[in-house]
Amino acid sequence: MILVFGRSGQVATELVRQADVTALGRDAVDLRDPPAAADAIAARNPRAVINAAGWTAVDAAEGAEAEAHVLNAEAPGVMARTCAARGIPFLHLSTDYVFDGAGTTPWHEDDMPAPLGAYGRTKLAGEHAVRDAGGPYVILRTSWVFSAHGTNFVKTMLRLSDTRDCVSVVADQVGGPTPAAAIAGALLRMADAMQAGKAGGTYHLAGEPHVSWAEFARAIFAAAGRRTEVDDIATADYPTPTRRPLNSRLDCAAIMRDFNIPAPDWRDGLRDVLEEFQA
């Protein structure tokens, strides 16, 4: 049995849809009390643990960094140490926000992190806690997650297009939109490989080809048959509490080399999501 922390998030939802896993939502385990995660693992003795939970409200983290740190760093650390003591593979989701977004080349796993805000700092602290636990682990950094459920850019654009003829979208942030289904599939495949003795580590998985948010919005409207126009704006024209990385490109060569998992084509994932909406 694979134990999943998280149930209602995009990746956790896809994990439940793709495999026979035991997913624990906040009603079952309150990660604001990190020792509860250790109790949950000990009670179930799973063959692998996937952490798909955490604080994901990027802007809200600026005013609540201590709370975000508990969910994004302390709780994963407890999970990882508990798994390490039992020899259980532990897989943990992280983010492109651990980087500062400088330059235009894709980030490699061994590039120096330099988060711009509280969310990125807490996620980076979680990475350190997982590595320091000393057990078999995978840290999977991803970006721009979307699906047919939860809150994400695709759903926001479609909602706005219901009432607007034109939407302003930033055009100087570039990255890889990533289907939640592809992330879930990768985690399950890596969990199986690790249980069979495969070494883990830190990996990147993000969609290709790289696009700006504005380009992604145009692709969404085109695929959905919407006539909404996109007005390109700069990040400076859309200020938010958290500074967003301009360069969120992630190099995915390592996960292909070690696990034979290719970077997903987000255009295929977008078609799948839109078909699910229609169904």
Protein backbone atom coordinates (compact mmCIF):
# COMPACT_ATOMS: atom_id res chain seq x y z
CA MET A 1 0.00 0.00 0.00
CA ILE A 2 1.16 3.51 -0.84
CA LEU A 3 0.27 6.15 1.72
CA VAL A 4 -0.45 9.64 0.37
CA PHE A 5 -0.57 12.77 2.49
CA GLY A 6 -3.12 15.05 0.86
CA ARG A 7 -6.43 14.24 -0.74
CA SER A 8 -8.13 17.28 -2.24
CA GLY A 9 -5.16 18.86 -4.04
CA GLN A 10 -4.56 18.46 -7.75
CA VAL A 11 -1.79 15.85 -7.55
CA ALA A 12 -3.36 13.95 -4.65
CA THR A 13 -6.63 13.74 -6.58
CA GLU A 14 -4.81 12.28 -9.57
CA LEU A 15 -2.94 9.79 -7.37
CA VAL A 16 -6.28 8.50 -6.07
CA ARG A 17 -7.61 8.27 -9.62
CA GLN A 18 -4.59 6.41 -10.97
CA ALA A 19 -3.80 3.88 -8.25
CA ASP A 20 -5.13 2.06 -5.21
CA VAL A 21 -3.58 4.34 -2.61
CA THR A 22 -4.58 5.40 0.88
CA ALA A 23 -4.93 9.19 0.79
CA LEU A 24 -5.19 11.14 4.02
CA GLY A 25 -6.76 14.58 3.97
CA ARG A 26 -6.59 17.16 6.71
CA ASP A 27 -9.66 15.63 8.35
CA ALA A 28 -7.64 12.44 8.92
CA VAL A 29 -4.22 13.94 9.68
CA ASP A 30 -3.76 17.59 10.64
CA LEU A 31 -0.25 18.42 9.44
CA ARG A 32 -0.26 21.55 11.57
CA ASP A 33 0.63 18.94 14.23
CA PRO A 34 3.61 17.26 12.47
CA PRO A 35 3.93 14.30 14.90
CA ALA A 36 0.50 13.20 13.65
CA ALA A 37 2.18 12.31 10.35
CA ALA A 38 4.57 9.95 12.13
CA ASP A 39 1.64 8.26 13.87
CA ALA A 40 -0.17 7.82 10.55
CA ILE A 41 2.85 6.16 8.94
CA ALA A 42 3.49 3.89 11.91
CA ALA A 43 -0.15 2.79 12.04
CA ARG A 44 -0.26 1.80 8.36
CA ASN A 45 3.30 0.60 7.61
CA PRO A 46 3.06 1.44 3.89
CA ARG A 47 5.49 0.29 1.19
CA ALA A 48 6.02 3.93 0.14
CA VAL A 49 4.88 7.38 1.24
CA ILE A 50 4.07 10.28 -1.07
CA ASN A 51 3.67 13.77 0.36
CA ALA A 52 1.30 15.70 -1.89
CA ALA A 53 0.14 18.02 0.90
CA GLY A 54 1.41 21.40 2.02
CA TRP A 55 0.85 25.13 2.01
CA THR A 56 0.29 26.16 -1.61
CA ALA A 57 -1.14 29.68 -1.20
CA VAL A 58 1.92 31.50 -2.47
CA ASP A 59 0.90 35.08 -1.70
CA ALA A 60 -0.69 34.25 1.66
CA ALA A 61 2.59 32.72 2.80
CA GLU A 62 4.15 36.20 2.92
CA GLY A 63 2.04 37.05 5.93
CA ALA A 64 2.02 33.58 7.47
CA GLU A 65 5.51 32.18 6.94
CA ALA A 66 5.62 30.42 10.31
CA GLU A 67 2.42 28.52 9.52
CA ALA A 68 3.62 27.71 6.01
CA HIS A 69 6.93 26.49 7.43
CA VAL A 70 5.13 23.95 9.62
CA LEU A 71 3.29 22.45 6.63
CA ASN A 72 6.06 22.74 4.03
CA ALA A 73 9.14 21.96 6.12
CA GLU A 74 8.45 20.58 9.60
CA ALA A 75 5.77 18.06 8.60
CA PRO A 76 7.75 16.67 5.62
CA GLY A 77 10.77 16.39 7.88
CA VAL A 78 8.80 14.26 10.33
CA MET A 79 7.48 12.11 7.47
CA ALA A 80 10.97 11.64 6.02
CA ARG A 81 12.56 10.74 9.37
CA THR A 82 9.79 8.27 10.15
CA CYS A 83 10.19 6.65 6.72
CA ALA A 84 13.98 6.58 7.07
CA ALA A 85 13.75 4.73 10.38
CA ARG A 86 11.60 2.09 8.70
CA GLY A 87 13.41 1.93 5.36
CA ILE A 88 10.33 3.20 3.50
CA PRO A 89 10.82 5.22 0.29
CA PHE A 90 9.58 8.79 0.75
CA LEU A 91 8.56 10.97 -2.21
CA HIS A 92 8.03 14.69 -1.72
CA LEU A 93 6.73 17.40 -4.04
CA SER A 94 8.64 20.67 -4.36
CA THR A 95 8.60 23.64 -6.69
CA ASP A 96 10.41 25.90 -9.13
CA TYR A 97 9.98 28.66 -6.52
CA VAL A 98 13.15 27.45 -4.79
CA PHE A 99 14.99 29.30 -7.62
CA ASP A 100 15.18 33.04 -8.15
CA GLY A 101 14.18 32.90 -11.82
CA ALA A 102 17.32 34.57 -13.14
CA GLY A 103 18.50 34.00 -16.71
CA THR A 104 16.75 32.13 -19.50
CA THR A 105 18.26 28.64 -19.37
CA PRO A 106 16.43 25.73 -17.72
CA TRP A 107 17.31 25.04 -14.10
CA HIS A 108 19.20 21.85 -13.28
CA GLU A 109 18.79 19.91 -10.05
CA ASP A 110 22.19 20.97 -8.72
CA ASP A 111 21.78 24.69 -9.44
CA MET A 112 21.94 26.89 -6.35
CA PRO A 113 18.48 27.65 -4.91
CA ALA A 114 17.68 31.26 -4.03
CA PRO A 115 13.96 31.65 -3.30
CA LEU A 116 12.41 35.08 -3.68
CA GLY A 117 9.70 34.76 -1.05
CA ALA A 118 8.27 32.95 1.94
CA TYR A 119 6.66 30.15 -0.03
CA GLY A 120 9.92 29.28 -1.77
CA ARG A 121 11.87 29.52 1.49
CA THR A 122 9.55 27.09 3.27
CA LYS A 123 9.63 24.64 0.36
CA LEU A 124 13.42 24.79 0.28
CA ALA A 125 13.54 24.14 4.03
CA GLY A 126 11.36 21.11 3.40
CA GLU A 127 13.84 19.83 0.82
CA HIS A 128 16.67 20.15 3.34
CA ALA A 129 14.66 18.30 5.98
CA VAL A 130 13.90 15.42 3.61
CA ARG A 131 17.53 15.03 2.55
CA ASP A 132 18.81 15.28 6.12
CA ALA A 133 16.53 12.44 7.24
CA GLY A 134 18.97 9.99 5.67
CA GLY A 135 16.47 7.56 4.15
CA PRO A 136 15.56 6.69 0.54
CA TYR A 137 13.85 9.75 -0.92
CA VAL A 138 12.75 11.56 -4.04
CA ILE A 139 12.24 15.29 -4.15
CA LEU A 140 10.27 16.12 -7.28
CA ARG A 141 10.28 19.79 -8.28
CA THR A 142 7.55 20.83 -10.67
CA SER A 143 5.84 23.98 -11.89
CA TRP A 144 2.60 25.55 -13.15
CA VAL A 145 0.41 22.58 -12.22
CA PHE A 146 -3.01 22.29 -13.85
CA SER A 147 -5.87 19.80 -13.96
CA ALA A 148 -9.66 19.60 -14.17
CA HIS A 149 -9.96 20.05 -10.40
CA GLY A 150 -8.67 22.37 -7.71
CA THR A 151 -7.58 25.93 -8.36
CA ASN A 152 -5.29 26.50 -11.32
CA PHE A 153 -4.53 28.78 -14.26
CA VAL A 154 -6.53 26.81 -16.83
CA LYS A 155 -9.72 26.98 -14.80
CA THR A 156 -9.15 30.65 -14.01
CA MET A 157 -8.71 31.56 -17.68
CA LEU A 158 -11.82 29.66 -18.71
CA ARG A 159 -13.83 31.34 -15.97
CA LEU A 160 -12.63 34.79 -17.00
CA SER A 161 -13.39 34.10 -20.65
CA ASP A 162 -17.03 33.54 -19.74
CA THR A 163 -17.46 37.26 -19.09
CA ARG A 164 -14.50 39.02 -20.75
CA ASP A 165 -13.51 39.66 -24.34
CA CYS A 166 -9.89 40.39 -23.34
CA VAL A 167 -7.72 39.23 -20.45
CA SER A 168 -4.39 40.78 -19.40
CA VAL A 169 -1.74 38.13 -18.72
CA VAL A 170 1.95 38.46 -17.87
CA ALA A 171 4.25 37.66 -20.78
CA ASP A 172 7.70 37.87 -19.16
CA GLN A 173 7.38 34.82 -16.88
CA VAL A 174 8.31 31.66 -18.78
CA GLY A 175 8.02 28.05 -17.66
CA GLY A 176 6.46 24.68 -18.29
CA PRO A 177 2.77 24.07 -17.55
CA THR A 178 2.54 20.62 -15.99
CA PRO A 179 -0.49 18.31 -15.95
CA ALA A 180 -1.18 17.00 -12.45
CA ALA A 181 -1.90 13.62 -14.02
CA ALA A 182 1.67 13.44 -15.34
CA ILE A 183 3.10 14.31 -11.92
CA ALA A 184 1.00 11.63 -10.24
CA GLY A 185 2.04 9.04 -12.81
CA ALA A 186 5.69 9.91 -12.33
CA LEU A 187 5.46 9.65 -8.54
CA LEU A 188 3.82 6.24 -8.73
CA ARG A 189 6.40 4.97 -11.19
CA MET A 190 9.27 6.28 -9.07
CA ALA A 191 7.77 4.77 -5.92
CA ASP A 192 7.65 1.35 -7.57
CA ALA A 193 11.23 1.70 -8.81
CA MET A 194 12.50 2.75 -5.40
CA GLN A 195 10.77 -0.14 -3.68
CA ALA A 196 12.64 -2.39 -6.11
CA GLY A 197 15.93 -0.84 -5.02
CA LYS A 198 16.33 2.14 -7.33
CA ALA A 199 18.17 5.07 -5.80
CA GLY A 200 16.32 8.34 -5.52
CA GLY A 201 17.43 11.96 -5.26
CA THR A 202 16.23 15.35 -6.48
CA TYR A 203 14.51 15.54 -9.87
CA HIS A 204 12.63 17.97 -12.07
CA LEU A 205 9.42 17.28 -13.98
CA ALA A 206 7.68 20.06 -15.89
CA GLY A 207 5.77 20.35 -19.12
CA GLU A 208 7.19 21.26 -22.50
CA PRO A 209 7.44 23.27 -24.66
CA HIS A 210 8.28 26.28 -22.50
CA VAL A 211 5.85 29.18 -22.81
CA SER A 212 4.92 32.41 -21.10
CA TRP A 213 1.73 32.68 -19.10
CA ALA A 214 0.30 34.82 -21.92
CA GLU A 215 1.16 32.17 -24.51
CA PHE A 216 -0.37 29.50 -22.32
CA ALA A 217 -3.55 31.56 -22.00
CA ARG A 218 -3.82 31.87 -25.79
CA ALA A 219 -3.39 28.12 -26.14
CA ILE A 220 -6.14 27.53 -23.58
CA PHE A 221 -8.59 29.80 -25.36
CA ALA A 222 -7.77 28.31 -28.75
CA ALA A 223 -8.15 24.72 -27.55
CA ALA A 224 -11.42 25.56 -25.80
CA GLY A 225 -12.82 27.43 -28.79
CA ARG A 226 -13.00 30.71 -26.93
CA ARG A 227 -12.60 34.05 -28.71
CA THR A 228 -11.13 35.87 -25.73
CA GLU A 229 -8.08 37.96 -26.61
CA VAL A 230 -4.91 38.14 -24.50
CA ASP A 231 -3.23 41.44 -23.68
CA ASP A 232 0.46 40.89 -22.90
CA ILE A 233 1.63 42.75 -19.81
CA ALA A 234 4.82 42.77 -17.74
CA THR A 235 5.12 41.30 -14.26
CA ALA A 236 5.67 44.85 -13.00
CA ASP A 237 2.20 45.73 -14.28
CA TYR A 238 0.60 43.03 -12.13
CA PRO A 239 2.13 43.39 -8.65
CA THR A 240 1.58 40.57 -6.13
CA PRO A 241 2.74 40.11 -2.52
CA THR A 242 5.24 37.47 -3.69
CA ARG A 243 7.85 38.10 -6.35
CA ARG A 244 7.37 35.49 -9.07
CA PRO A 245 10.42 33.93 -10.79
CA LEU A 246 10.65 35.14 -14.39
CA ASN A 247 12.43 31.96 -15.46
CA SER A 248 10.67 28.81 -14.28
CA ARG A 249 12.10 26.53 -16.96
CA LEU A 250 13.14 23.18 -15.45
CA ASP A 251 15.57 20.79 -17.11
CA CYS A 252 14.02 17.30 -17.04
CA ALA A 253 16.90 15.26 -18.47
CA ALA A 254 17.75 13.54 -15.17
CA ILE A 255 14.34 11.98 -14.58
CA MET A 256 14.36 10.67 -18.14
CA ARG A 257 17.87 9.27 -17.71
CA ASP A 258 17.24 7.57 -14.35
CA PHE A 259 13.56 6.62 -14.53
CA ASN A 260 12.73 6.79 -18.24
CA ILE A 261 10.07 9.41 -17.51
CA PRO A 262 9.86 12.06 -20.25
CA ALA A 263 8.79 15.65 -19.76
CA PRO A 264 5.06 15.72 -20.53
CA ASP A 265 3.71 17.70 -23.47
CA TRP A 266 1.35 20.11 -21.74
CA ARG A 267 -0.69 20.45 -24.94
CA ASP A 268 -1.78 16.82 -24.60
CA GLY A 269 -2.59 17.39 -20.95
CA LEU A 270 -4.61 20.48 -21.81
CA ARG A 271 -6.68 18.52 -24.33
CA ASP A 272 -7.36 15.86 -21.69
CA VAL A 273 -8.47 18.46 -19.16
CA LEU A 274 -10.77 20.19 -21.61
CA GLU A 275 -12.29 16.85 -22.64
CA GLU A 276 -12.96 16.12 -18.98
CA PHE A 277 -14.72 19.46 -18.61
CA GLN A 278 -16.90 18.66 -21.62
CA ALA A 279 -17.73 15.21 -20.28
